[in-house]
Every structure is written in C-alpha cells, then in structure tokens.
C-alpha cells in the first residue's frame, strides 16, 4: 500500500494530520487495507504471543482494518478494543466493523494523554503508525501500562524518521523528524515500566517504506 495512504489505514491516535482524511473512503481502498491487515495480523499475533479468545487493543485504529482482522484471528470468544480520537475515524471503524460482521470489536474514543482503556483489560496492545505522533508519551505510556495485564505484551509498529522531514506539531523534539527512532521508544516505554522484549528492524508493510519496524515490550 502506498505510504501516503498509511495514515488512512492506521490514522494516528492523537493528532490531526494535514491530509484530512474522509470517513467515506473508496471501497477499493478499504479492501486493500483489509488485505494488508490479513497478511500482517498472523505475524503480529506471533510477536504478541496471542491465543484464541484473548483481548487485544488496537490503539489508533484509523479505519479499523487491523482491528477487524485481529478480531477474526482471535475468534468469537476473543475481543478487540478499537480506539481513535477523531469522530470521523470512530464512525468509519463502526461502519467497517459492522460491514465485516465483527461483533467482538468494541469501538472506544481515546484521548491525547490516555488510551481510555479499562485498567487491566488487555492481554496485548498494539499501535501501528501512531506512536510517533504522541504529544504526551510519558502520560500515554502510563496509560498503556495500566491497561495491560501482567505478563501481557505491547507492540509498537512505526518508522524511522524521514531525512529532512519536519517533526509533527506538539511532538517532543527528540524524534529527529517525521517518524521516531527505536531507541526513543525503548527509553520511553521502559521508563513507563515495560521490559523491552524484541526489535524487528524490518516489519512487513508498505512497499515504498523500508523504515518500518516493530518493537515489542512485556509488562512484568
């Protein structure tokens, strides 16, 4: 999927991007996102040590493609929280979840400093193309930690800073451009209490973005 469409696929949880995406995207684009998610979710499930029937949160779900495919993978006894902060995206997630018949997805409005997830609700959490737009990583990291069960895993899928790019408005200046270094994520989430579990430097995703990576953490 072209890189310029990734924010539509996994629209950043906390901040308005200049692209101004519509909740009424073409059906062909949604199908493309669902196909990409279908290829990605089994790999993500392995990293997160998921089992059927678990509860997972897709924080910053955008259009909901990953949430839909994750709900399918987890089976009818599993549950997915799909969050975003923009009403247009929340409406789109609800529409797509209903269209795909995924009754085990709960759509939840997030916030800039908090996931708004219930404490201890999740066996695993993932953020895809979201973390580099967090304006309040310390508070948000604490919220992620509270939402995850002990022994649970969290995965951050993001990309290295684009050379010469501008840091998004409101984001800490140590990002080094549009994107985020792995070391910054590790530093911030270990400070929140997580234990660094693994880094996968090349995560399958956009064909034109070779900087995509995954960083996984565990809650002790």
C-alpha atoms as a PDB file:
ATOM      1  CA  UNK A   1       0.000   0.000   0.000  1.00  0.00           C
ATOM      2  CA  UNK A   2       1.446   3.439  -0.871  1.00  0.00           C
ATOM      3  CA  UNK A   3       2.997   5.211   2.058  1.00  0.00           C
ATOM      4  CA  UNK A   4       0.776   8.234   1.630  1.00  0.00           C
ATOM      5  CA  UNK A   5      -2.224   6.026   2.404  1.00  0.00           C
ATOM      6  CA  UNK A   6      -0.794   4.546   5.607  1.00  0.00           C
ATOM      7  CA  UNK A   7      -2.181   7.274   7.822  1.00  0.00           C
ATOM      8  CA  UNK A   8      -5.631   6.478   6.424  1.00  0.00           C
ATOM      9  CA  UNK A   9      -5.013   2.809   7.257  1.00  0.00           C
ATOM     10  CA  UNK A  10      -3.847   3.380  10.807  1.00  0.00           C
ATOM     11  CA  UNK A  11      -4.662   7.018  11.441  1.00  0.00           C
ATOM     12  CA  UNK A  12      -2.581   8.457  14.233  1.00  0.00           C
ATOM     13  CA  UNK A  13      -4.429   8.208  17.524  1.00  0.00           C
ATOM     14  CA  UNK A  14      -3.838  11.683  18.813  1.00  0.00           C
ATOM     15  CA  UNK A  15      -3.315  14.327  16.200  1.00  0.00           C
ATOM     16  CA  UNK A  16      -4.845  15.844  13.105  1.00  0.00           C
ATOM     17  CA  UNK A  17      -2.744  15.157  10.028  1.00  0.00           C
ATOM     18  CA  UNK A  18      -2.696  17.634   7.215  1.00  0.00           C
ATOM     19  CA  UNK A  19      -4.075  15.037   4.822  1.00  0.00           C
ATOM     20  CA  UNK A  20      -7.546  15.478   6.300  1.00  0.00           C
ATOM     21  CA  UNK A  21      -8.851  12.001   5.564  1.00  0.00           C
ATOM     22  CA  UNK A  22     -12.550  11.396   4.966  1.00  0.00           C
ATOM     23  CA  UNK A  23     -14.634   8.767   6.707  1.00  0.00           C
ATOM     24  CA  UNK A  24     -16.110   7.842   3.325  1.00  0.00           C
ATOM     25  CA  UNK A  25     -13.122   6.352   1.552  1.00  0.00           C
ATOM     26  CA  UNK A  26     -13.429   4.268  -1.606  1.00  0.00           C
ATOM     27  CA  UNK A  27     -14.385   0.643  -1.095  1.00  0.00           C
ATOM     28  CA  UNK A  28     -11.306  -0.426  -3.078  1.00  0.00           C
ATOM     29  CA  UNK A  29      -9.018   1.301  -0.568  1.00  0.00           C
ATOM     30  CA  UNK A  30     -10.732  -0.370   2.361  1.00  0.00           C
ATOM     31  CA  UNK A  31     -10.389  -3.745   0.662  1.00  0.00           C
ATOM     32  CA  UNK A  32      -6.689  -3.069   0.100  1.00  0.00           C
ATOM     33  CA  UNK A  33      -6.248  -2.208   3.779  1.00  0.00           C
ATOM     34  CA  UNK A  34      -8.080  -5.369   4.859  1.00  0.00           C
ATOM     35  CA  UNK A  35      -5.903  -7.480   2.582  1.00  0.00           C
ATOM     36  CA  UNK A  36      -2.738  -5.920   4.009  1.00  0.00           C
ATOM     37  CA  UNK A  37      -4.029  -6.439   7.550  1.00  0.00           C
ATOM     38  CA  UNK A  38      -4.798 -10.087   6.788  1.00  0.00           C
ATOM     39  CA  UNK A  39      -1.138 -10.613   5.849  1.00  0.00           C
ATOM     40  CA  UNK A  40       0.151  -8.719   8.868  1.00  0.00           C
ATOM     41  CA  UNK A  41      -2.042  -9.915  11.737  1.00  0.00           C
ATOM     42  CA  UNK A  42      -0.707 -13.512  11.913  1.00  0.00           C
ATOM     43  CA  UNK A  43       2.851 -12.169  12.233  1.00  0.00           C
ATOM     44  CA  UNK A  44       1.733  -9.681  14.862  1.00  0.00           C
ATOM     45  CA  UNK A  45      -0.139 -12.382  16.764  1.00  0.00           C
ATOM     46  CA  UNK A  46       3.073 -14.407  16.933  1.00  0.00           C
ATOM     47  CA  UNK A  47       5.066 -11.459  18.290  1.00  0.00           C
ATOM     48  CA  UNK A  48       2.387 -10.750  20.896  1.00  0.00           C
ATOM     49  CA  UNK A  49       2.124 -14.439  21.888  1.00  0.00           C
ATOM     50  CA  UNK A  50      -1.616 -14.333  21.285  1.00  0.00           C
ATOM     51  CA  UNK A  51      -4.044 -17.203  21.745  1.00  0.00           C
ATOM     52  CA  UNK A  52      -7.644 -17.623  20.660  1.00  0.00           C
ATOM     53  CA  UNK A  53     -10.088 -15.891  22.983  1.00  0.00           C
ATOM     54  CA  UNK A  54      -7.717 -13.205  24.238  1.00  0.00           C
ATOM     55  CA  UNK A  55      -8.500  -9.476  24.469  1.00  0.00           C
ATOM     56  CA  UNK A  56      -6.391  -7.081  22.383  1.00  0.00           C
ATOM     57  CA  UNK A  57      -6.446  -3.308  21.861  1.00  0.00           C
ATOM     58  CA  UNK A  58      -5.729  -1.622  18.531  1.00  0.00           C
ATOM     59  CA  UNK A  59      -4.835   1.860  19.756  1.00  0.00           C
ATOM     60  CA  UNK A  60      -5.208   4.413  16.979  1.00  0.00           C
ATOM     61  CA  UNK A  61      -7.211   2.089  14.778  1.00  0.00           C
ATOM     62  CA  UNK A  62      -7.895   4.558  11.968  1.00  0.00           C
ATOM     63  CA  UNK A  63     -10.298   2.837   9.582  1.00  0.00           C
ATOM     64  CA  UNK A  64     -10.322  -0.348  11.631  1.00  0.00           C
ATOM     65  CA  UNK A  65      -8.773  -2.797   9.156  1.00  0.00           C
ATOM     66  CA  UNK A  66      -6.292  -4.234  11.655  1.00  0.00           C
ATOM     67  CA  UNK A  67      -8.990  -4.415  14.344  1.00  0.00           C
ATOM     68  CA  UNK A  68     -11.295  -6.347  12.005  1.00  0.00           C
ATOM     69  CA  UNK A  69      -8.643  -8.874  11.019  1.00  0.00           C
ATOM     70  CA  UNK A  70      -7.408  -9.219  14.593  1.00  0.00           C
ATOM     71  CA  UNK A  71     -10.982  -9.914  15.743  1.00  0.00           C
ATOM     72  CA  UNK A  72     -11.220 -12.638  13.109  1.00  0.00           C
ATOM     73  CA  UNK A  73      -7.918 -14.161  14.229  1.00  0.00           C
ATOM     74  CA  UNK A  74      -8.921 -14.181  17.922  1.00  0.00           C
ATOM     75  CA  UNK A  75     -12.167 -15.999  17.188  1.00  0.00           C
ATOM     76  CA  UNK A  76     -15.676 -15.454  18.559  1.00  0.00           C
ATOM     77  CA  UNK A  77     -14.518 -15.689  22.181  1.00  0.00           C
ATOM     78  CA  UNK A  78     -11.838 -13.033  21.674  1.00  0.00           C
ATOM     79  CA  UNK A  79     -12.348  -9.295  21.916  1.00  0.00           C
ATOM     80  CA  UNK A  80     -10.754  -6.225  20.337  1.00  0.00           C
ATOM     81  CA  UNK A  81     -10.852  -2.640  21.556  1.00  0.00           C
ATOM     82  CA  UNK A  82     -10.502  -0.300  18.563  1.00  0.00           C
ATOM     83  CA  UNK A  83      -9.692   3.274  19.576  1.00  0.00           C
ATOM     84  CA  UNK A  84      -9.216   6.638  17.924  1.00  0.00           C
ATOM     85  CA  UNK A  85      -9.762  10.282  18.886  1.00  0.00           C
ATOM     86  CA  UNK A  86     -11.465  11.653  15.787  1.00  0.00           C
ATOM     87  CA  UNK A  87     -15.182  11.153  15.392  1.00  0.00           C
ATOM     88  CA  UNK A  88     -14.811  10.610  11.642  1.00  0.00           C
ATOM     89  CA  UNK A  89     -12.492   7.675  12.249  1.00  0.00           C
ATOM     90  CA  UNK A  90     -14.646   6.271  15.055  1.00  0.00           C
ATOM     91  CA  UNK A  91     -17.649   6.346  12.714  1.00  0.00           C
ATOM     92  CA  UNK A  92     -15.604   4.671   9.980  1.00  0.00           C
ATOM     93  CA  UNK A  93     -14.431   1.935  12.326  1.00  0.00           C
ATOM     94  CA  UNK A  94     -18.013   1.242  13.405  1.00  0.00           C
ATOM     95  CA  UNK A  95     -19.165   1.118   9.801  1.00  0.00           C
ATOM     96  CA  UNK A  96     -16.384  -1.240   8.721  1.00  0.00           C
ATOM     97  CA  UNK A  97     -16.769  -3.477  11.762  1.00  0.00           C
ATOM     98  CA  UNK A  98     -20.494  -3.791  11.042  1.00  0.00           C
ATOM     99  CA  UNK A  99     -19.886  -4.451   7.346  1.00  0.00           C
ATOM    100  CA  UNK A 100     -17.447  -7.253   8.169  1.00  0.00           C
ATOM    101  CA  UNK A 101     -19.782  -8.704  10.801  1.00  0.00           C
ATOM    102  CA  UNK A 102     -17.284  -8.463  13.658  1.00  0.00           C
ATOM    103  CA  UNK A 103     -19.460  -8.394  16.767  1.00  0.00           C
ATOM    104  CA  UNK A 104     -16.439  -8.864  19.034  1.00  0.00           C
ATOM    105  CA  UNK A 105     -14.980  -5.379  18.370  1.00  0.00           C
ATOM    106  CA  UNK A 106     -15.700  -2.565  20.823  1.00  0.00           C
ATOM    107  CA  UNK A 107     -15.052   0.941  19.457  1.00  0.00           C
ATOM    108  CA  UNK A 108     -13.747   3.343  22.086  1.00  0.00           C
ATOM    109  CA  UNK A 109     -12.869   7.036  21.951  1.00  0.00           C
ATOM    110  CA  UNK A 110      -9.303   7.729  23.048  1.00  0.00           C
ATOM    111  CA  UNK A 111      -7.660  10.909  24.307  1.00  0.00           C
ATOM    112  CA  UNK A 112      -4.393  12.782  23.916  1.00  0.00           C
ATOM    113  CA  UNK A 113      -2.956  11.700  27.261  1.00  0.00           C
ATOM    114  CA  UNK A 114      -4.805   8.419  27.804  1.00  0.00           C
ATOM    115  CA  UNK A 115      -5.964   5.351  25.913  1.00  0.00           C
ATOM    116  CA  UNK A 116      -9.227   5.451  27.894  1.00  0.00           C
ATOM    117  CA  UNK A 117      -8.990   1.661  28.075  1.00  0.00           C
ATOM    118  CA  UNK A 118     -10.129  -0.025  31.308  1.00  0.00           C
ATOM    119  CA  UNK A 119      -7.352  -0.936  33.714  1.00  0.00           C
ATOM    120  CA  UNK A 120      -6.038  -4.457  33.209  1.00  0.00           C
ATOM    121  CA  UNK A 121      -8.350  -5.105  30.277  1.00  0.00           C
ATOM    122  CA  UNK A 122      -5.933  -6.409  27.676  1.00  0.00           C
ATOM    123  CA  UNK A 123      -3.732  -9.424  27.081  1.00  0.00           C
ATOM    124  CA  UNK A 124      -1.942  -7.408  24.388  1.00  0.00           C
ATOM    125  CA  UNK A 125      -1.941  -3.952  22.813  1.00  0.00           C
ATOM    126  CA  UNK A 126      -0.564  -2.659  19.535  1.00  0.00           C
ATOM    127  CA  UNK A 127      -0.075   0.778  17.981  1.00  0.00           C
ATOM    128  CA  UNK A 128       0.579   0.947  14.244  1.00  0.00           C
ATOM    129  CA  UNK A 129       1.831   4.204  12.739  1.00  0.00           C
ATOM    130  CA  UNK A 130       0.696   6.009  15.883  1.00  0.00           C
ATOM    131  CA  UNK A 131       3.468   6.345  18.462  1.00  0.00           C
ATOM    132  CA  UNK A 132       5.494   8.959  16.553  1.00  0.00           C
ATOM    133  CA  UNK A 133       2.527  11.349  16.828  1.00  0.00           C
ATOM    134  CA  UNK A 134       2.125  11.134  20.604  1.00  0.00           C
ATOM    135  CA  UNK A 135       2.450  14.585  22.158  1.00  0.00           C
ATOM    136  CA  UNK A 136       2.422  13.265  25.724  1.00  0.00           C
ATOM    137  CA  UNK A 137       4.381   9.999  25.637  1.00  0.00           C
ATOM    138  CA  UNK A 138       5.001   9.866  29.387  1.00  0.00           C
ATOM    139  CA  UNK A 139       1.324  10.070  30.338  1.00  0.00           C
ATOM    140  CA  UNK A 140       0.303   7.861  27.439  1.00  0.00           C
ATOM    141  CA  UNK A 141       2.881   5.248  28.342  1.00  0.00           C
ATOM    142  CA  UNK A 142       1.495   5.123  31.862  1.00  0.00           C
ATOM    143  CA  UNK A 143      -1.992   4.626  30.459  1.00  0.00           C
ATOM    144  CA  UNK A 144      -0.800   1.771  28.223  1.00  0.00           C
ATOM    145  CA  UNK A 145       0.890   0.147  31.213  1.00  0.00           C
ATOM    146  CA  UNK A 146      -2.305   0.370  33.277  1.00  0.00           C
ATOM    147  CA  UNK A 147      -4.437  -1.167  30.512  1.00  0.00           C
ATOM    148  CA  UNK A 148      -2.207  -4.225  30.019  1.00  0.00           C
ATOM    149  CA  UNK A 149      -2.437  -7.337  32.175  1.00  0.00           C
ATOM    150  CA  UNK A 150       0.750  -8.519  33.927  1.00  0.00           C
ATOM    151  CA  UNK A 151       2.713 -10.693  31.531  1.00  0.00           C
ATOM    152  CA  UNK A 152       0.997  -9.089  28.541  1.00  0.00           C
ATOM    153  CA  UNK A 153       2.792  -7.695  25.518  1.00  0.00           C
ATOM    154  CA  UNK A 154       2.644  -4.450  23.603  1.00  0.00           C
ATOM    155  CA  UNK A 155       3.896  -3.891  20.044  1.00  0.00           C
ATOM    156  CA  UNK A 156       4.833  -0.553  18.519  1.00  0.00           C
ATOM    157  CA  UNK A 157       4.925  -0.588  14.719  1.00  0.00           C
ATOM    158  CA  UNK A 158       6.391   2.644  13.398  1.00  0.00           C
ATOM    159  CA  UNK A 159       9.058   4.024  11.087  1.00  0.00           C
ATOM    160  CA  UNK A 160      12.434   5.686  11.270  1.00  0.00           C
ATOM    161  CA  UNK A 161      12.468   9.495  10.848  1.00  0.00           C
ATOM    162  CA  UNK A 162      12.352  10.591   7.257  1.00  0.00           C
ATOM    163  CA  UNK A 163      15.527  12.539   6.356  1.00  0.00           C
ATOM    164  CA  UNK A 164      14.872  16.272   6.235  1.00  0.00           C
ATOM    165  CA  UNK A 165      11.284  15.911   7.410  1.00  0.00           C
ATOM    166  CA  UNK A 166       9.572  18.090   9.997  1.00  0.00           C
ATOM    167  CA  UNK A 167       8.556  16.900  13.432  1.00  0.00           C
ATOM    168  CA  UNK A 168       4.741  16.955  13.745  1.00  0.00           C
ATOM    169  CA  UNK A 169       3.307  19.819  15.774  1.00  0.00           C
ATOM    170  CA  UNK A 170       3.267  19.269  19.506  1.00  0.00           C
ATOM    171  CA  UNK A 171       5.532  16.225  19.441  1.00  0.00           C
ATOM    172  CA  UNK A 172       8.738  16.125  21.551  1.00  0.00           C
ATOM    173  CA  UNK A 173      11.761  17.411  19.663  1.00  0.00           C
ATOM    174  CA  UNK A 174      13.878  14.280  20.175  1.00  0.00           C
ATOM    175  CA  UNK A 175      12.097  12.433  17.350  1.00  0.00           C
ATOM    176  CA  UNK A 176      14.554  13.630  14.722  1.00  0.00           C
ATOM    177  CA  UNK A 177      11.928  14.277  12.057  1.00  0.00           C
ATOM    178  CA  UNK A 178       8.655  12.709  10.939  1.00  0.00           C
ATOM    179  CA  UNK A 179       8.972   9.252  12.467  1.00  0.00           C
ATOM    180  CA  UNK A 180      10.753   8.037  15.585  1.00  0.00           C
ATOM    181  CA  UNK A 181      13.999   6.194  16.408  1.00  0.00           C
ATOM    182  CA  UNK A 182      13.692   2.782  18.037  1.00  0.00           C
ATOM    183  CA  UNK A 183      15.910   3.940  20.916  1.00  0.00           C
ATOM    184  CA  UNK A 184      13.443   6.683  21.851  1.00  0.00           C
ATOM    185  CA  UNK A 185      10.543   4.234  22.043  1.00  0.00           C
ATOM    186  CA  UNK A 186      12.603   1.830  24.140  1.00  0.00           C
ATOM    187  CA  UNK A 187      13.642   4.603  26.510  1.00  0.00           C
ATOM    188  CA  UNK A 188      10.127   5.964  26.974  1.00  0.00           C
ATOM    189  CA  UNK A 189       8.332   2.644  27.432  1.00  0.00           C
ATOM    190  CA  UNK A 190      10.941   1.172  29.760  1.00  0.00           C
ATOM    191  CA  UNK A 191      10.522   4.336  31.825  1.00  0.00           C
ATOM    192  CA  UNK A 192       6.781   3.549  31.894  1.00  0.00           C
ATOM    193  CA  UNK A 193       7.607   0.158  33.419  1.00  0.00           C
ATOM    194  CA  UNK A 194       7.689  -2.135  30.390  1.00  0.00           C
ATOM    195  CA  UNK A 195      10.511  -4.573  29.662  1.00  0.00           C
ATOM    196  CA  UNK A 196      11.953  -4.495  26.138  1.00  0.00           C
ATOM    197  CA  UNK A 197      11.311  -7.913  24.580  1.00  0.00           C
ATOM    198  CA  UNK A 198      12.301  -7.691  20.913  1.00  0.00           C
ATOM    199  CA  UNK A 199      13.021  -5.433  17.965  1.00  0.00           C
ATOM    200  CA  UNK A 200      12.249  -6.432  14.399  1.00  0.00           C
ATOM    201  CA  UNK A 201      14.072  -3.885  12.218  1.00  0.00           C
ATOM    202  CA  UNK A 202      12.182  -4.650   9.004  1.00  0.00           C
ATOM    203  CA  UNK A 203       8.473  -5.122   9.531  1.00  0.00           C
ATOM    204  CA  UNK A 204       6.361  -6.120   6.506  1.00  0.00           C
ATOM    205  CA  UNK A 205       4.102  -3.298   5.446  1.00  0.00           C
ATOM    206  CA  UNK A 206       4.178  -0.556   2.868  1.00  0.00           C
ATOM    207  CA  UNK A 207       6.058  -1.448  -0.284  1.00  0.00           C
ATOM    208  CA  UNK A 208       7.610   2.008  -0.540  1.00  0.00           C
ATOM    209  CA  UNK A 209       8.615   2.438   3.125  1.00  0.00           C
ATOM    210  CA  UNK A 210      11.711   0.476   4.086  1.00  0.00           C
ATOM    211  CA  UNK A 211      11.999   2.110   7.516  1.00  0.00           C
ATOM    212  CA  UNK A 212       9.046   0.310   9.107  1.00  0.00           C
ATOM    213  CA  UNK A 213       9.965  -1.606  12.283  1.00  0.00           C
ATOM    214  CA  UNK A 214       8.332  -3.322  15.265  1.00  0.00           C
ATOM    215  CA  UNK A 215       9.367  -3.017  18.894  1.00  0.00           C
ATOM    216  CA  UNK A 216       7.798  -5.359  21.439  1.00  0.00           C
ATOM    217  CA  UNK A 217       7.615  -4.986  25.231  1.00  0.00           C
ATOM    218  CA  UNK A 218       6.308  -7.049  28.141  1.00  0.00           C
ATOM    219  CA  UNK A 219       4.629  -5.933  31.326  1.00  0.00           C
ATOM    220  CA  UNK A 220       6.385  -7.628  34.262  1.00  0.00           C
END
